[in-house]
Amino acid sequence: MTSKKELDIKKFKDQLDASYQWPALYKYKFIVPSDKLDEVKALFPKTEVVTKPSKKGNYVSITADIMTPSSDDIINVYLKAAEIEGIISL
């Protein structure tokens, strides 16, 4: 039996594969509590990320443009990011 999460991942993969020709430049965007910023930056060790703090400084938006070889690599980053408490993927 296939879980909802597995179906969602397959749908996302299909959308990525329909929208991009690999390798492709992919823009990751997240919002994260300020104290989790380093955890998100660790997802992109060789890439400079753009950060912007919220007005009150409680949250940070993070953008990273990365040349990505396949949709599987994108999905792996999102699965790792999902383990970070309080993260919002955009």
Protein backbone atom coordinates (compact mmCIF):
# COMPACT_ATOMS: atom_id res chain seq x y z
CA MET A 1 0.00 0.00 0.00
CA THR A 2 1.30 3.44 -0.94
CA SER A 3 1.21 6.15 1.72
CA LYS A 4 -0.02 9.71 1.14
CA LYS A 5 3.54 10.97 1.68
CA GLU A 6 4.84 8.63 -1.04
CA LEU A 7 2.09 9.77 -3.41
CA ASP A 8 2.88 13.43 -2.66
CA ILE A 9 6.58 12.84 -3.33
CA LYS A 10 5.82 11.07 -6.63
CA LYS A 11 3.51 13.90 -7.70
CA PHE A 12 6.18 16.49 -6.84
CA LYS A 13 8.83 14.47 -8.73
CA ASP A 14 6.54 14.24 -11.78
CA GLN A 15 5.94 18.02 -11.65
CA LEU A 16 9.68 18.72 -11.41
CA ASP A 17 10.47 16.37 -14.28
CA ALA A 18 7.78 18.00 -16.43
CA SER A 19 9.06 21.52 -15.65
CA TYR A 20 12.84 21.12 -15.84
CA GLN A 21 15.47 19.56 -18.08
CA TRP A 22 18.26 18.13 -15.92
CA PRO A 23 20.67 19.42 -14.85
CA ALA A 24 18.83 22.63 -13.98
CA LEU A 25 19.14 25.65 -11.74
CA TYR A 26 16.64 25.22 -8.89
CA LYS A 27 15.67 27.86 -6.34
CA TYR A 28 15.11 26.59 -2.80
CA LYS A 29 13.16 28.88 -0.46
CA PHE A 30 12.56 28.33 3.24
CA ILE A 31 11.42 30.25 6.29
CA VAL A 32 12.93 29.04 9.53
CA PRO A 33 13.17 30.14 13.17
CA SER A 34 16.34 32.23 13.56
CA ASP A 35 17.96 29.68 15.87
CA LYS A 36 17.70 27.00 13.13
CA LEU A 37 19.46 29.04 10.43
CA ASP A 38 22.72 27.07 10.65
CA GLU A 39 20.84 23.78 10.21
CA VAL A 40 19.33 25.00 6.95
CA LYS A 41 22.65 26.42 5.72
CA ALA A 42 24.16 22.97 6.33
CA LEU A 43 21.84 21.61 3.62
CA PHE A 44 23.80 23.73 1.12
CA PRO A 45 27.45 23.45 2.22
CA LYS A 46 29.02 24.63 -1.04
CA THR A 47 26.48 27.32 -1.87
CA GLU A 48 26.08 30.88 -0.75
CA VAL A 49 22.57 31.37 0.58
CA VAL A 50 20.70 34.65 0.74
CA THR A 51 19.10 35.34 4.11
CA LYS A 52 16.62 37.97 5.21
CA PRO A 53 15.50 38.31 8.83
CA SER A 54 11.87 39.01 9.71
CA LYS A 55 10.92 42.39 11.21
CA LYS A 56 11.09 41.08 14.76
CA GLY A 57 14.06 38.84 14.01
CA ASN A 58 12.31 35.65 15.09
CA TYR A 59 12.46 34.10 11.62
CA VAL A 60 14.79 34.14 8.62
CA SER A 61 13.94 33.57 4.98
CA ILE A 62 16.56 31.62 3.08
CA THR A 63 17.03 31.37 -0.68
CA ALA A 64 19.57 29.17 -2.43
CA ASP A 65 20.01 28.79 -6.19
CA ILE A 66 21.66 25.47 -6.97
CA MET A 67 22.52 23.66 -10.18
CA THR A 68 20.81 20.34 -9.55
CA PRO A 69 21.40 17.12 -11.49
CA SER A 70 17.95 15.57 -10.98
CA SER A 71 14.56 15.80 -9.31
CA ASP A 72 15.70 13.10 -6.86
CA ASP A 73 18.36 15.47 -5.49
CA ILE A 74 15.75 18.18 -4.93
CA ILE A 75 13.46 15.76 -3.13
CA ASN A 76 16.34 14.58 -0.91
CA VAL A 77 17.03 18.17 0.19
CA TYR A 78 13.36 18.71 1.04
CA LEU A 79 13.22 15.45 3.00
CA LYS A 80 16.27 16.51 5.03
CA ALA A 81 14.82 19.99 5.51
CA ALA A 82 11.56 18.51 6.81
CA GLU A 83 13.51 17.17 9.79
CA ILE A 84 14.33 20.73 10.93
CA GLU A 85 11.88 21.86 13.58
CA GLY A 86 9.75 24.86 12.57
CA ILE A 87 10.86 25.02 8.93
CA ILE A 88 8.45 26.15 6.22
CA SER A 89 9.24 25.18 2.63
CA LEU A 90 8.04 27.58 -0.04
